[in-house]
PDB file of all heavy atoms in Angstrom:
ATOM      1  N   LEU A   1       0.837  -1.185   0.006  1.00  0.00           N
ATOM      2  CA  LEU A   1       0.002   0.002  -0.013  1.00  0.00           C
ATOM      3  C   LEU A   1       0.850   1.261  -0.010  1.00  0.00           C
ATOM      4  O   LEU A   1       1.868   1.379   0.695  1.00  0.00           O
ATOM      5  CB  LEU A   1      -0.925   0.009   1.266  1.00  0.00           C
ATOM      6  CG  LEU A   1      -2.038  -1.103   1.360  1.00  0.00           C
ATOM      7  CD1 LEU A   1      -2.707  -0.907   2.635  1.00  0.00           C
ATOM      8  CD2 LEU A   1      -2.939  -1.009   0.148  1.00  0.00           C
ATOM      9  N   SER A   2       0.378   2.315  -0.662  1.00  0.00           N
ATOM     10  CA  SER A   2       0.996   3.580  -0.663  1.00  0.00           C
ATOM     11  C   SER A   2       1.117   4.124   0.751  1.00  0.00           C
ATOM     12  O   SER A   2       0.188   3.933   1.522  1.00  0.00           O
ATOM     13  CB  SER A   2       0.280   4.523  -1.548  1.00  0.00           C
ATOM     14  OG  SER A   2       0.656   5.894  -1.363  1.00  0.00           O
ATOM     15  N   HIS A   3       2.158   4.844   0.988  1.00  0.00           N
ATOM     16  CA  HIS A   3       2.348   5.479   2.317  1.00  0.00           C
ATOM     17  C   HIS A   3       1.144   6.458   2.546  1.00  0.00           C
ATOM     18  O   HIS A   3       0.746   6.690   3.706  1.00  0.00           O
ATOM     19  CB  HIS A   3       3.648   6.210   2.388  1.00  0.00           C
ATOM     20  CG  HIS A   3       3.647   7.543   1.689  1.00  0.00           C
ATOM     21  ND1 HIS A   3       3.646   7.683   0.354  1.00  0.00           N
ATOM     22  CD2 HIS A   3       3.541   8.839   2.229  1.00  0.00           C
ATOM     23  CE1 HIS A   3       3.682   8.863  -0.016  1.00  0.00           C
ATOM     24  NE2 HIS A   3       3.599   9.624   1.054  1.00  0.00           N
ATOM     25  N   ILE A   4       0.529   6.947   1.462  1.00  0.00           N
ATOM     26  CA  ILE A   4      -0.474   7.981   1.654  1.00  0.00           C
ATOM     27  C   ILE A   4      -1.689   7.367   2.405  1.00  0.00           C
ATOM     28  O   ILE A   4      -2.253   8.041   3.227  1.00  0.00           O
ATOM     29  CB  ILE A   4      -0.914   8.504   0.257  1.00  0.00           C
ATOM     30  CG1 ILE A   4       0.206   9.308  -0.389  1.00  0.00           C
ATOM     31  CG2 ILE A   4      -2.184   9.387   0.432  1.00  0.00           C
ATOM     32  CD1 ILE A   4      -0.079   9.699  -1.867  1.00  0.00           C
ATOM     33  N   ILE A   5      -1.917   6.164   2.067  1.00  0.00           N
ATOM     34  CA  ILE A   5      -3.155   5.565   2.763  1.00  0.00           C
ATOM     35  C   ILE A   5      -2.708   4.589   3.860  1.00  0.00           C
ATOM     36  O   ILE A   5      -3.593   4.355   4.781  1.00  0.00           O
ATOM     37  CB  ILE A   5      -4.115   4.796   1.756  1.00  0.00           C
ATOM     38  CG1 ILE A   5      -3.268   3.754   0.926  1.00  0.00           C
ATOM     39  CG2 ILE A   5      -4.773   5.699   0.849  1.00  0.00           C
ATOM     40  CD1 ILE A   5      -4.248   3.001   0.045  1.00  0.00           C
ATOM     41  N   ALA A   6      -1.407   4.150   3.861  1.00  0.00           N
ATOM     42  CA  ALA A   6      -1.139   3.262   5.001  1.00  0.00           C
ATOM     43  C   ALA A   6      -0.636   3.869   6.229  1.00  0.00           C
ATOM     44  O   ALA A   6      -0.807   3.370   7.352  1.00  0.00           O
ATOM     45  CB  ALA A   6       0.032   2.295   4.420  1.00  0.00           C
ATOM     46  N   MET A   7       0.085   5.079   6.102  1.00  0.00           N
ATOM     47  CA  MET A   7       0.743   5.711   7.287  1.00  0.00           C
ATOM     48  C   MET A   7      -0.244   5.964   8.436  1.00  0.00           C
ATOM     49  O   MET A   7       0.125   5.679   9.554  1.00  0.00           O
ATOM     50  CB  MET A   7       1.352   6.885   6.866  1.00  0.00           C
ATOM     51  CG  MET A   7       2.759   6.672   6.125  1.00  0.00           C
ATOM     52  SD  MET A   7       3.994   5.823   7.288  1.00  0.00           S
ATOM     53  CE  MET A   7       4.110   6.989   8.577  1.00  0.00           C
ATOM     54  N   PRO A   8      -1.448   6.495   8.227  1.00  0.00           N
ATOM     55  CA  PRO A   8      -2.330   6.801   9.425  1.00  0.00           C
ATOM     56  C   PRO A   8      -2.648   5.533  10.178  1.00  0.00           C
ATOM     57  O   PRO A   8      -2.751   5.424  11.409  1.00  0.00           O
ATOM     58  CB  PRO A   8      -3.484   7.391   8.782  1.00  0.00           C
ATOM     59  CG  PRO A   8      -3.086   8.008   7.511  1.00  0.00           C
ATOM     60  CD  PRO A   8      -1.922   7.050   6.961  1.00  0.00           C
ATOM     61  N   ASP A   9      -2.829   4.367   9.463  1.00  0.00           N
ATOM     62  CA  ASP A   9      -3.187   3.107  10.087  1.00  0.00           C
ATOM     63  C   ASP A   9      -1.932   2.462  10.691  1.00  0.00           C
ATOM     64  O   ASP A   9      -2.114   1.853  11.766  1.00  0.00           O
ATOM     65  CB  ASP A   9      -3.797   2.168   9.024  1.00  0.00           C
ATOM     66  CG  ASP A   9      -5.128   2.721   8.527  1.00  0.00           C
ATOM     67  OD1 ASP A   9      -6.040   2.876   9.330  1.00  0.00           O
ATOM     68  OD2 ASP A   9      -5.255   2.744   7.299  1.00  0.00           O
ATOM     69  N   ILE A  10      -0.743   2.703  10.135  1.00  0.00           N
ATOM     70  CA  ILE A  10       0.494   2.211  10.858  1.00  0.00           C
ATOM     71  C   ILE A  10       0.628   2.949  12.098  1.00  0.00           C
ATOM     72  O   ILE A  10       1.010   2.310  13.111  1.00  0.00           O
ATOM     73  CB  ILE A  10       1.689   2.340   9.838  1.00  0.00           C
ATOM     74  CG1 ILE A  10       1.557   1.434   8.709  1.00  0.00           C
ATOM     75  CG2 ILE A  10       2.989   2.096  10.646  1.00  0.00           C
ATOM     76  CD1 ILE A  10       2.656   1.646   7.558  1.00  0.00           C
ATOM     77  N   ALA A  11       0.516   4.246  12.086  1.00  0.00           N
ATOM     78  CA  ALA A  11       0.693   5.094  13.355  1.00  0.00           C
ATOM     79  C   ALA A  11      -0.382   4.662  14.425  1.00  0.00           C
ATOM     80  O   ALA A  11      -0.061   4.697  15.638  1.00  0.00           O
ATOM     81  CB  ALA A  11       0.526   6.553  12.973  1.00  0.00           C
ATOM     82  N   ALA A  12      -1.525   4.245  14.016  1.00  0.00           N
ATOM     83  CA  ALA A  12      -2.600   3.913  14.873  1.00  0.00           C
ATOM     84  C   ALA A  12      -2.499   2.464  15.361  1.00  0.00           C
ATOM     85  O   ALA A  12      -3.335   1.924  16.217  1.00  0.00           O
ATOM     86  CB  ALA A  12      -3.942   4.241  14.392  1.00  0.00           C
ATOM     87  N   GLY A  13      -1.717   1.657  14.728  1.00  0.00           N
ATOM     88  CA  GLY A  13      -1.612   0.244  14.995  1.00  0.00           C
ATOM     89  C   GLY A  13      -2.561  -0.695  14.304  1.00  0.00           C
ATOM     90  O   GLY A  13      -2.650  -1.868  14.600  1.00  0.00           O
ATOM     91  N   ARG A  14      -3.341   0.033  13.389  1.00  0.00           N
ATOM     92  CA  ARG A  14      -4.346  -0.854  12.720  1.00  0.00           C
ATOM     93  C   ARG A  14      -3.692  -1.719  11.538  1.00  0.00           C
ATOM     94  O   ARG A  14      -4.305  -2.680  11.177  1.00  0.00           O
ATOM     95  CB  ARG A  14      -5.436   0.027  12.169  1.00  0.00           C
ATOM     96  CG  ARG A  14      -6.300   0.756  13.103  1.00  0.00           C
ATOM     97  CD  ARG A  14      -7.433   1.590  12.461  1.00  0.00           C
ATOM     98  NE  ARG A  14      -6.900   2.669  11.676  1.00  0.00           N
ATOM     99  CZ  ARG A  14      -6.738   3.994  12.184  1.00  0.00           C
ATOM    100  NH1 ARG A  14      -7.049   4.151  13.415  1.00  0.00           N
ATOM    101  NH2 ARG A  14      -6.287   4.951  11.452  1.00  0.00           N
ATOM    102  N   LEU A  15      -2.491  -1.272  11.010  1.00  0.00           N
ATOM    103  CA  LEU A  15      -1.787  -2.044  10.087  1.00  0.00           C
ATOM    104  C   LEU A  15      -0.351  -2.119  10.690  1.00  0.00           C
ATOM    105  O   LEU A  15       0.172  -1.194  11.310  1.00  0.00           O
ATOM    106  CB  LEU A  15      -1.690  -1.423   8.756  1.00  0.00           C
ATOM    107  CG  LEU A  15      -3.012  -1.341   7.934  1.00  0.00           C
ATOM    108  CD1 LEU A  15      -2.921  -0.590   6.721  1.00  0.00           C
ATOM    109  CD2 LEU A  15      -3.535  -2.794   7.633  1.00  0.00           C
ATOM    110  N   ILE A  16       0.334  -3.200  10.336  1.00  0.00           N
ATOM    111  CA  ILE A  16       1.701  -3.413  10.712  1.00  0.00           C
ATOM    112  C   ILE A  16       2.639  -3.656   9.549  1.00  0.00           C
ATOM    113  O   ILE A  16       2.310  -4.560   8.720  1.00  0.00           O
ATOM    114  CB  ILE A  16       1.802  -4.589  11.681  1.00  0.00           C
ATOM    115  CG1 ILE A  16       0.959  -4.378  12.960  1.00  0.00           C
ATOM    116  CG2 ILE A  16       3.291  -4.974  12.005  1.00  0.00           C
ATOM    117  CD1 ILE A  16       0.937  -5.654  13.906  1.00  0.00           C
ATOM    118  N   PRO A  17       3.665  -2.783   9.359  1.00  0.00           N
ATOM    119  CA  PRO A  17       4.605  -2.983   8.220  1.00  0.00           C
ATOM    120  C   PRO A  17       5.505  -4.178   8.496  1.00  0.00           C
ATOM    121  O   PRO A  17       5.958  -4.368   9.599  1.00  0.00           O
ATOM    122  CB  PRO A  17       5.371  -1.682   8.123  1.00  0.00           C
ATOM    123  CG  PRO A  17       5.229  -1.180   9.542  1.00  0.00           C
ATOM    124  CD  PRO A  17       3.957  -1.605  10.134  1.00  0.00           C
ATOM    125  N   VAL A  18       5.712  -5.015   7.570  1.00  0.00           N
ATOM    126  CA  VAL A  18       6.516  -6.174   7.723  1.00  0.00           C
ATOM    127  C   VAL A  18       7.677  -6.237   6.678  1.00  0.00           C
ATOM    128  O   VAL A  18       7.731  -5.381   5.816  1.00  0.00           O
ATOM    129  CB  VAL A  18       5.745  -7.493   7.591  1.00  0.00           C
ATOM    130  CG1 VAL A  18       4.576  -7.592   8.660  1.00  0.00           C
ATOM    131  CG2 VAL A  18       5.147  -7.580   6.123  1.00  0.00           C
ATOM    132  N   MET A  19       8.674  -7.018   6.982  1.00  0.00           N
ATOM    133  CA  MET A  19       9.760  -7.189   6.042  1.00  0.00           C
ATOM    134  C   MET A  19      10.573  -5.997   5.915  1.00  0.00           C
ATOM    135  O   MET A  19      10.764  -5.423   4.780  1.00  0.00           O
ATOM    136  CB  MET A  19       9.295  -7.766   4.701  1.00  0.00           C
ATOM    137  CG  MET A  19       9.937  -8.999   4.231  1.00  0.00           C
ATOM    138  SD  MET A  19       9.144  -9.819   2.755  1.00  0.00           S
ATOM    139  CE  MET A  19       9.196  -8.357   1.577  1.00  0.00           C
ATOM    140  N   LYS A  20      11.120  -5.368   7.058  1.00  0.00           N
ATOM    141  CA  LYS A  20      11.744  -4.099   7.112  1.00  0.00           C
ATOM    142  C   LYS A  20      12.949  -4.098   6.112  1.00  0.00           C
ATOM    143  O   LYS A  20      13.251  -3.080   5.567  1.00  0.00           O
ATOM    144  CB  LYS A  20      12.179  -3.782   8.582  1.00  0.00           C
ATOM    145  CG  LYS A  20      12.923  -2.575   8.621  1.00  0.00           C
ATOM    146  CD  LYS A  20      13.372  -2.300  10.106  1.00  0.00           C
ATOM    147  CE  LYS A  20      14.258  -1.035  10.142  1.00  0.00           C
ATOM    148  NZ  LYS A  20      14.724  -0.865  11.663  1.00  0.00           N
ATOM    149  N   ASP A  21      13.682  -5.245   5.948  1.00  0.00           N
ATOM    150  CA  ASP A  21      14.873  -5.252   5.296  1.00  0.00           C
ATOM    151  C   ASP A  21      14.664  -5.297   3.783  1.00  0.00           C
ATOM    152  O   ASP A  21      15.627  -5.233   2.955  1.00  0.00           O
ATOM    153  CB  ASP A  21      15.788  -6.393   5.734  1.00  0.00           C
ATOM    154  CG  ASP A  21      16.253  -6.218   7.136  1.00  0.00           C
ATOM    155  OD1 ASP A  21      16.401  -5.102   7.564  1.00  0.00           O
ATOM    156  OD2 ASP A  21      16.535  -7.294   7.760  1.00  0.00           O
ATOM    157  N   PHE A  22      13.432  -5.577   3.351  1.00  0.00           N
ATOM    158  CA  PHE A  22      12.998  -5.623   1.950  1.00  0.00           C
ATOM    159  C   PHE A  22      11.807  -4.793   1.678  1.00  0.00           C
ATOM    160  O   PHE A  22      10.740  -5.300   1.870  1.00  0.00           O
ATOM    161  CB  PHE A  22      12.775  -7.138   1.546  1.00  0.00           C
ATOM    162  CG  PHE A  22      13.951  -8.043   1.753  1.00  0.00           C
ATOM    163  CD1 PHE A  22      14.131  -8.719   2.969  1.00  0.00           C
ATOM    164  CD2 PHE A  22      14.886  -8.274   0.719  1.00  0.00           C
ATOM    165  CE1 PHE A  22      15.147  -9.530   3.216  1.00  0.00           C
ATOM    166  CE2 PHE A  22      15.934  -9.176   0.986  1.00  0.00           C
ATOM    167  CZ  PHE A  22      16.135  -9.799   2.261  1.00  0.00           C
ATOM    168  N   GLN A  23      12.002  -3.613   1.317  1.00  0.00           N
ATOM    169  CA  GLN A  23      11.031  -2.635   1.078  1.00  0.00           C
ATOM    170  C   GLN A  23      10.504  -2.680  -0.368  1.00  0.00           C
ATOM    171  O   GLN A  23      11.188  -3.012  -1.297  1.00  0.00           O
ATOM    172  CB  GLN A  23      11.424  -1.146   1.450  1.00  0.00           C
ATOM    173  CG  GLN A  23      11.821  -1.006   2.794  1.00  0.00           C
ATOM    174  CD  GLN A  23      10.599  -1.111   3.673  1.00  0.00           C
ATOM    175  OE1 GLN A  23       9.642  -0.209   3.622  1.00  0.00           O
ATOM    176  NE2 GLN A  23      10.529  -2.091   4.570  1.00  0.00           N
ATOM    177  N   PRO A  24       9.110  -2.464  -0.539  1.00  0.00           N
ATOM    178  CA  PRO A  24       8.623  -2.369  -1.902  1.00  0.00           C
ATOM    179  C   PRO A  24       9.468  -1.346  -2.791  1.00  0.00           C
ATOM    180  O   PRO A  24       9.807  -0.279  -2.365  1.00  0.00           O
ATOM    181  CB  PRO A  24       7.169  -1.894  -1.799  1.00  0.00           C
ATOM    182  CG  PRO A  24       6.843  -2.400  -0.393  1.00  0.00           C
ATOM    183  CD  PRO A  24       8.044  -2.263   0.443  1.00  0.00           C
ATOM    184  N   SER A  25       9.759  -1.661  -3.944  1.00  0.00           N
ATOM    185  CA  SER A  25      10.594  -0.860  -4.892  1.00  0.00           C
ATOM    186  C   SER A  25       9.837   0.414  -5.106  1.00  0.00           C
ATOM    187  O   SER A  25       8.615   0.409  -5.234  1.00  0.00           O
ATOM    188  CB  SER A  25      10.904  -1.635  -6.174  1.00  0.00           C
ATOM    189  OG  SER A  25      11.648  -2.799  -5.941  1.00  0.00           O
ATOM    190  N   ARG A  26      10.595   1.545  -5.152  1.00  0.00           N
ATOM    191  CA  ARG A  26       9.995   2.791  -5.498  1.00  0.00           C
ATOM    192  C   ARG A  26       9.873   3.040  -6.986  1.00  0.00           C
ATOM    193  O   ARG A  26      10.687   2.475  -7.701  1.00  0.00           O
ATOM    194  CB  ARG A  26      10.908   3.944  -4.941  1.00  0.00           C
ATOM    195  CG  ARG A  26      11.256   3.831  -3.444  1.00  0.00           C
ATOM    196  CD  ARG A  26      11.895   4.993  -2.853  1.00  0.00           C
ATOM    197  NE  ARG A  26      10.915   6.106  -2.658  1.00  0.00           N
ATOM    198  CZ  ARG A  26      11.291   7.367  -2.572  1.00  0.00           C
ATOM    199  NH1 ARG A  26      12.611   7.697  -2.697  1.00  0.00           N
ATOM    200  NH2 ARG A  26      10.423   8.348  -2.357  1.00  0.00           N
ATOM    201  N   LEU A  27       8.778   3.540  -7.384  1.00  0.00           N
ATOM    202  CA  LEU A  27       8.518   3.935  -8.846  1.00  0.00           C
ATOM    203  C   LEU A  27       8.392   5.319  -9.104  1.00  0.00           C
ATOM    204  O   LEU A  27       8.025   6.126  -8.258  1.00  0.00           O
ATOM    205  CB  LEU A  27       7.063   3.336  -9.140  1.00  0.00           C
ATOM    206  CG  LEU A  27       6.883   1.809  -8.975  1.00  0.00           C
ATOM    207  CD1 LEU A  27       5.391   1.451  -9.210  1.00  0.00           C
ATOM    208  CD2 LEU A  27       7.761   1.003  -9.936  1.00  0.00           C
ATOM    209  N   PRO A  28       8.922   5.732 -10.298  1.00  0.00           N
ATOM    210  CA  PRO A  28       8.850   7.218 -10.605  1.00  0.00           C
ATOM    211  C   PRO A  28       7.402   7.528 -10.743  1.00  0.00           C
ATOM    212  O   PRO A  28       6.584   6.881 -11.244  1.00  0.00           O
ATOM    213  CB  PRO A  28       9.623   7.232 -11.943  1.00  0.00           C
ATOM    214  CG  PRO A  28       9.553   5.880 -12.543  1.00  0.00           C
ATOM    215  CD  PRO A  28       9.452   4.968 -11.350  1.00  0.00           C
ATOM    216  N   VAL A  29       7.180   8.808 -10.268  1.00  0.00           N
ATOM    217  CA  VAL A  29       5.845   9.428 -10.460  1.00  0.00           C
ATOM    218  C   VAL A  29       6.000  10.465 -11.523  1.00  0.00           C
ATOM    219  O   VAL A  29       6.776  11.504 -11.412  1.00  0.00           O
ATOM    220  CB  VAL A  29       5.312   9.988  -9.165  1.00  0.00           C
ATOM    221  CG1 VAL A  29       3.935  10.709  -9.375  1.00  0.00           C
ATOM    222  CG2 VAL A  29       5.228   9.053  -8.039  1.00  0.00           C
ATOM    223  N   THR A  30       5.227  10.430 -12.618  1.00  0.00           N
ATOM    224  CA  THR A  30       5.437  11.334 -13.792  1.00  0.00           C
ATOM    225  C   THR A  30       4.071  11.870 -14.128  1.00  0.00           C
ATOM    226  O   THR A  30       3.055  11.196 -14.169  1.00  0.00           O
ATOM    227  CB  THR A  30       5.953  10.404 -14.980  1.00  0.00           C
ATOM    228  OG1 THR A  30       7.229   9.870 -14.621  1.00  0.00           O
ATOM    229  CG2 THR A  30       6.262  11.426 -16.186  1.00  0.00           C
ATOM    230  N   VAL A  31       4.042  13.261 -14.431  1.00  0.00           N
ATOM    231  CA  VAL A  31       2.923  13.866 -14.964  1.00  0.00           C
ATOM    232  C   VAL A  31       3.111  13.985 -16.430  1.00  0.00           C
ATOM    233  O   VAL A  31       4.293  14.331 -16.990  1.00  0.00           O
ATOM    234  CB  VAL A  31       2.633  15.249 -14.248  1.00  0.00           C
ATOM    235  CG1 VAL A  31       3.757  16.182 -14.470  1.00  0.00           C
ATOM    236  CG2 VAL A  31       1.307  15.835 -14.798  1.00  0.00           C
TER     237      VAL A  31
END
């Protein structure tokens, strides 16, 4: 999930991020 929608739930404990050593690859954002 994008940090935009995941971060509030991570902060509140409703979602837990896993696999700290292997993060989802970052993609370029292009207009």
